[in-house]
């Protein structure tokens, strides 16, 4: 994937992190087919587009948790997770702990 296309994609993801982000939408931003985009993105970044988005969402959620001003459900909504449970599942999957433990 070209550096320019990768930059467009990452800027789009960061700008829309709280919105549903489907592979088809990201492929459209890169002006590529879904299949080609997924393969080239994974080769360029090291993870699938979905995994990349979820990791960015978790990083943002972790920052908001440490800030301490929002509830867990508000943070889940603000970072694009379907609900608090969805955030909790991904937190356990990536960090090995529930999001409440990330407040520290």
N, C-alpha and C. Protein backbone atom coordinates (compact mmCIF):
# COMPACT_ATOMS: atom_id res chain seq x y z
N UNK A 1 0.85 -1.17 0.00
CA UNK A 1 0.00 0.00 0.00
C UNK A 1 0.90 1.23 0.00
N UNK A 2 0.53 2.20 -0.80
CA UNK A 2 1.36 3.41 -0.87
C UNK A 2 1.27 4.18 0.45
N UNK A 3 2.29 4.95 0.71
CA UNK A 3 2.31 5.76 1.93
C UNK A 3 1.16 6.75 1.95
N UNK A 4 0.83 7.31 0.79
CA UNK A 4 -0.26 8.29 0.71
C UNK A 4 -1.60 7.63 1.03
N UNK A 5 -1.83 6.43 0.49
CA UNK A 5 -3.08 5.72 0.76
C UNK A 5 -3.17 5.33 2.23
N UNK A 6 -2.07 4.88 2.79
CA UNK A 6 -2.06 4.50 4.20
C UNK A 6 -2.33 5.71 5.09
N UNK A 7 -1.77 6.84 4.74
CA UNK A 7 -2.03 8.07 5.49
C UNK A 7 -3.49 8.47 5.41
N UNK A 8 -4.08 8.40 4.21
CA UNK A 8 -5.52 8.72 4.05
C UNK A 8 -6.37 7.81 4.92
N UNK A 9 -6.06 6.52 4.92
CA UNK A 9 -6.82 5.54 5.70
C UNK A 9 -6.70 5.82 7.19
N UNK A 10 -5.48 6.00 7.67
CA UNK A 10 -5.31 6.21 9.12
C UNK A 10 -5.94 7.53 9.57
N UNK A 11 -5.84 8.57 8.76
CA UNK A 11 -6.50 9.83 9.11
C UNK A 11 -8.02 9.65 9.15
N UNK A 12 -8.56 8.91 8.19
CA UNK A 12 -10.00 8.65 8.16
C UNK A 12 -10.43 7.86 9.40
N UNK A 13 -9.66 6.85 9.76
CA UNK A 13 -10.00 6.04 10.94
C UNK A 13 -9.97 6.91 12.20
N UNK A 14 -8.93 7.69 12.37
CA UNK A 14 -8.83 8.54 13.56
C UNK A 14 -9.98 9.55 13.63
N UNK A 15 -10.36 10.10 12.49
CA UNK A 15 -11.44 11.09 12.45
C UNK A 15 -12.81 10.47 12.71
N UNK A 16 -12.94 9.17 12.46
CA UNK A 16 -14.24 8.51 12.57
C UNK A 16 -14.22 7.34 13.55
N UNK A 17 -13.31 7.37 14.52
CA UNK A 17 -13.12 6.24 15.42
C UNK A 17 -14.38 5.88 16.20
N UNK A 18 -15.26 6.84 16.43
CA UNK A 18 -16.47 6.56 17.20
C UNK A 18 -17.63 6.11 16.32
N UNK A 19 -17.41 5.99 15.04
CA UNK A 19 -18.44 5.56 14.09
C UNK A 19 -18.18 4.11 13.65
N UNK A 20 -19.23 3.44 13.16
CA UNK A 20 -18.98 2.11 12.58
C UNK A 20 -18.04 2.23 11.38
N UNK A 21 -17.00 1.44 11.37
CA UNK A 21 -16.02 1.46 10.28
C UNK A 21 -15.95 0.08 9.66
N UNK A 22 -16.50 -0.04 8.48
CA UNK A 22 -16.50 -1.33 7.78
C UNK A 22 -15.36 -1.38 6.77
N UNK A 23 -14.93 -2.56 6.47
CA UNK A 23 -13.82 -2.75 5.53
C UNK A 23 -14.18 -2.13 4.17
N UNK A 24 -15.41 -2.27 3.76
CA UNK A 24 -15.83 -1.69 2.48
C UNK A 24 -15.66 -0.18 2.44
N UNK A 25 -15.98 0.46 3.54
CA UNK A 25 -15.82 1.92 3.63
C UNK A 25 -14.35 2.30 3.56
N UNK A 26 -13.52 1.59 4.31
CA UNK A 26 -12.09 1.87 4.30
C UNK A 26 -11.49 1.59 2.92
N UNK A 27 -11.94 0.53 2.29
CA UNK A 27 -11.46 0.21 0.94
C UNK A 27 -11.84 1.32 -0.03
N UNK A 28 -13.02 1.89 0.14
CA UNK A 28 -13.45 3.01 -0.70
C UNK A 28 -12.56 4.23 -0.53
N UNK A 29 -12.15 4.51 0.68
CA UNK A 29 -11.24 5.63 0.95
C UNK A 29 -9.91 5.39 0.25
N UNK A 30 -9.48 4.15 0.21
CA UNK A 30 -8.22 3.80 -0.44
C UNK A 30 -8.38 3.58 -1.94
N UNK A 31 -9.62 3.63 -2.42
CA UNK A 31 -9.93 3.39 -3.84
C UNK A 31 -9.45 2.01 -4.29
N UNK A 32 -9.77 1.00 -3.46
CA UNK A 32 -9.40 -0.38 -3.77
C UNK A 32 -10.59 -1.28 -3.49
N UNK A 33 -10.53 -2.49 -4.04
CA UNK A 33 -11.57 -3.48 -3.72
C UNK A 33 -11.39 -3.92 -2.28
N UNK A 34 -12.46 -4.44 -1.68
CA UNK A 34 -12.40 -4.90 -0.28
C UNK A 34 -11.32 -5.96 -0.09
N UNK A 35 -11.30 -6.94 -0.99
CA UNK A 35 -10.35 -8.04 -0.86
C UNK A 35 -8.91 -7.54 -0.96
N UNK A 36 -8.65 -6.75 -1.99
CA UNK A 36 -7.29 -6.24 -2.20
C UNK A 36 -6.89 -5.34 -1.02
N UNK A 37 -7.79 -4.46 -0.60
CA UNK A 37 -7.49 -3.56 0.51
C UNK A 37 -7.12 -4.34 1.77
N UNK A 38 -7.93 -5.33 2.12
CA UNK A 38 -7.68 -6.10 3.34
C UNK A 38 -6.32 -6.77 3.30
N UNK A 39 -5.99 -7.34 2.18
CA UNK A 39 -4.72 -8.04 2.04
C UNK A 39 -3.54 -7.07 2.11
N UNK A 40 -3.63 -5.97 1.37
CA UNK A 40 -2.53 -5.00 1.32
C UNK A 40 -2.39 -4.26 2.65
N UNK A 41 -3.51 -3.93 3.27
CA UNK A 41 -3.47 -3.24 4.56
C UNK A 41 -2.78 -4.12 5.60
N UNK A 42 -3.19 -5.37 5.68
CA UNK A 42 -2.60 -6.30 6.65
C UNK A 42 -1.11 -6.47 6.41
N UNK A 43 -0.71 -6.51 5.17
CA UNK A 43 0.71 -6.64 4.84
C UNK A 43 1.47 -5.37 5.25
N UNK A 44 0.86 -4.21 5.09
CA UNK A 44 1.51 -2.93 5.40
C UNK A 44 1.57 -2.64 6.89
N UNK A 45 0.51 -2.98 7.62
CA UNK A 45 0.38 -2.59 9.02
C UNK A 45 0.70 -3.75 9.97
N UNK A 46 0.50 -4.98 9.51
CA UNK A 46 0.80 -6.14 10.35
C UNK A 46 -0.41 -6.77 10.99
N UNK A 47 -1.57 -6.13 10.89
CA UNK A 47 -2.82 -6.69 11.41
C UNK A 47 -3.94 -6.37 10.42
N UNK A 48 -5.05 -7.08 10.57
CA UNK A 48 -6.20 -6.83 9.69
C UNK A 48 -6.77 -5.44 9.96
N UNK A 49 -7.51 -4.88 9.00
CA UNK A 49 -8.13 -3.57 9.23
C UNK A 49 -9.01 -3.55 10.49
N UNK A 50 -9.79 -4.61 10.70
CA UNK A 50 -10.67 -4.66 11.87
C UNK A 50 -9.86 -4.64 13.16
N UNK A 51 -8.83 -5.44 13.21
CA UNK A 51 -7.99 -5.50 14.41
C UNK A 51 -7.32 -4.15 14.67
N UNK A 52 -6.87 -3.50 13.62
CA UNK A 52 -6.24 -2.19 13.74
C UNK A 52 -7.21 -1.17 14.33
N UNK A 53 -8.42 -1.14 13.82
CA UNK A 53 -9.44 -0.22 14.33
C UNK A 53 -9.74 -0.51 15.79
N UNK A 54 -9.87 -1.79 16.13
CA UNK A 54 -10.18 -2.14 17.52
C UNK A 54 -9.03 -1.76 18.45
N UNK A 55 -7.81 -1.90 18.02
CA UNK A 55 -6.67 -1.51 18.84
C UNK A 55 -6.66 0.01 19.07
N UNK A 56 -6.97 0.77 18.04
CA UNK A 56 -7.03 2.23 18.20
C UNK A 56 -8.17 2.62 19.14
N UNK A 57 -9.30 1.95 19.01
CA UNK A 57 -10.42 2.23 19.91
C UNK A 57 -10.05 1.94 21.36
N UNK A 58 -9.36 0.84 21.57
CA UNK A 58 -8.93 0.50 22.93
C UNK A 58 -7.92 1.50 23.48
N UNK A 59 -7.02 1.97 22.66
CA UNK A 59 -6.07 2.98 23.12
C UNK A 59 -6.79 4.25 23.54
N UNK A 60 -7.76 4.66 22.73
CA UNK A 60 -8.55 5.86 23.06
C UNK A 60 -9.36 5.63 24.33
N UNK A 61 -9.96 4.45 24.46
CA UNK A 61 -10.73 4.13 25.66
C UNK A 61 -9.83 4.14 26.89
N UNK A 62 -8.64 3.60 26.77
CA UNK A 62 -7.69 3.58 27.89
C UNK A 62 -7.34 5.01 28.32
N UNK A 63 -7.14 5.90 27.35
CA UNK A 63 -6.85 7.30 27.67
C UNK A 63 -8.03 7.94 28.41
N UNK A 64 -9.24 7.68 27.94
CA UNK A 64 -10.43 8.25 28.59
C UNK A 64 -10.65 7.66 29.98
N UNK A 65 -10.34 6.38 30.13
CA UNK A 65 -10.46 5.75 31.45
C UNK A 65 -9.50 6.39 32.44
N UNK A 66 -8.31 6.63 32.02
CA UNK A 66 -7.30 7.23 32.90
C UNK A 66 -7.65 8.67 33.24
N UNK A 67 -8.36 9.35 32.34
CA UNK A 67 -8.81 10.70 32.60
C UNK A 67 -9.83 10.72 33.75
N UNK A 68 -10.66 9.68 33.81
CA UNK A 68 -11.58 9.50 34.93
C UNK A 68 -12.83 10.34 34.93
N UNK A 69 -13.13 11.06 33.87
CA UNK A 69 -14.30 11.93 33.85
C UNK A 69 -15.57 11.27 33.33
N UNK A 70 -15.45 10.16 32.61
CA UNK A 70 -16.60 9.52 32.00
C UNK A 70 -16.82 8.14 32.58
N UNK A 71 -18.07 7.69 32.50
CA UNK A 71 -18.39 6.33 32.93
C UNK A 71 -17.92 5.36 31.85
N UNK A 72 -17.89 4.11 32.20
CA UNK A 72 -17.47 3.08 31.26
C UNK A 72 -18.39 3.02 30.04
N UNK A 73 -19.68 3.15 30.25
CA UNK A 73 -20.60 3.10 29.11
C UNK A 73 -20.45 4.33 28.23
N UNK A 74 -20.17 5.49 28.80
CA UNK A 74 -19.92 6.70 27.99
C UNK A 74 -18.65 6.54 27.16
N UNK A 75 -17.65 5.93 27.75
CA UNK A 75 -16.39 5.71 27.05
C UNK A 75 -16.59 4.71 25.91
N UNK A 76 -17.34 3.66 26.18
CA UNK A 76 -17.62 2.67 25.13
C UNK A 76 -18.29 3.33 23.94
N UNK A 77 -19.28 4.15 24.20
CA UNK A 77 -20.00 4.84 23.13
C UNK A 77 -19.07 5.82 22.39
N UNK A 78 -18.27 6.57 23.14
CA UNK A 78 -17.40 7.59 22.55
C UNK A 78 -16.29 7.00 21.69
N UNK A 79 -15.97 5.74 21.90
CA UNK A 79 -14.88 5.12 21.16
C UNK A 79 -15.35 4.11 20.11
N UNK A 80 -16.65 4.05 19.87
CA UNK A 80 -17.16 3.24 18.78
C UNK A 80 -17.50 1.81 19.12
N UNK A 81 -17.46 1.45 20.39
CA UNK A 81 -17.89 0.11 20.78
C UNK A 81 -19.41 0.08 20.84
N UNK A 82 -20.00 -1.07 20.58
CA UNK A 82 -21.45 -1.20 20.56
C UNK A 82 -22.03 -0.91 21.94
N UNK A 83 -21.37 -1.41 22.96
CA UNK A 83 -21.81 -1.19 24.34
C UNK A 83 -20.65 -1.48 25.28
N UNK A 84 -20.90 -1.34 26.57
CA UNK A 84 -19.87 -1.55 27.58
C UNK A 84 -19.33 -2.98 27.54
N UNK A 85 -20.21 -3.93 27.30
CA UNK A 85 -19.80 -5.33 27.24
C UNK A 85 -18.83 -5.58 26.09
N UNK A 86 -19.08 -4.94 24.96
CA UNK A 86 -18.21 -5.07 23.80
C UNK A 86 -16.82 -4.52 24.13
N UNK A 87 -16.75 -3.38 24.79
CA UNK A 87 -15.49 -2.81 25.24
C UNK A 87 -14.78 -3.76 26.20
N UNK A 88 -15.53 -4.33 27.12
CA UNK A 88 -14.95 -5.25 28.11
C UNK A 88 -14.35 -6.48 27.44
N UNK A 89 -15.08 -7.06 26.47
CA UNK A 89 -14.56 -8.24 25.77
C UNK A 89 -13.25 -7.94 25.06
N UNK A 90 -13.19 -6.82 24.37
CA UNK A 90 -11.97 -6.47 23.64
C UNK A 90 -10.84 -6.12 24.59
N UNK A 91 -11.15 -5.47 25.70
CA UNK A 91 -10.12 -5.14 26.68
C UNK A 91 -9.50 -6.42 27.24
N UNK A 92 -10.33 -7.38 27.56
CA UNK A 92 -9.81 -8.66 28.07
C UNK A 92 -9.00 -9.38 27.00
N UNK A 93 -9.46 -9.30 25.75
CA UNK A 93 -8.78 -9.99 24.66
C UNK A 93 -7.40 -9.39 24.38
N UNK A 94 -7.30 -8.07 24.37
CA UNK A 94 -6.04 -7.41 24.02
C UNK A 94 -5.14 -7.18 25.23
N UNK A 95 -5.72 -6.68 26.32
CA UNK A 95 -4.91 -6.34 27.50
C UNK A 95 -4.92 -7.41 28.59
N UNK A 96 -5.86 -8.33 28.52
CA UNK A 96 -5.94 -9.39 29.52
C UNK A 96 -6.63 -8.99 30.81
N UNK A 97 -7.17 -7.79 30.86
CA UNK A 97 -7.88 -7.30 32.05
C UNK A 97 -9.12 -6.53 31.62
N UNK A 98 -10.12 -6.43 32.51
CA UNK A 98 -11.30 -5.63 32.18
C UNK A 98 -10.93 -4.14 32.16
N UNK A 99 -11.72 -3.31 31.50
CA UNK A 99 -11.38 -1.90 31.37
C UNK A 99 -11.25 -1.16 32.69
N UNK A 100 -11.99 -1.58 33.70
CA UNK A 100 -11.90 -0.91 35.00
C UNK A 100 -10.50 -0.96 35.58
N UNK A 101 -9.75 -1.99 35.27
CA UNK A 101 -8.36 -2.12 35.75
C UNK A 101 -7.41 -1.19 35.00
N UNK A 102 -7.86 -0.65 33.87
CA UNK A 102 -7.01 0.24 33.09
C UNK A 102 -7.08 1.69 33.58
N UNK A 103 -7.98 1.96 34.53
CA UNK A 103 -8.12 3.31 35.05
C UNK A 103 -6.87 3.78 35.77
N UNK A 104 -6.09 2.87 36.25
CA UNK A 104 -4.89 3.22 37.03
C UNK A 104 -3.75 3.65 36.17
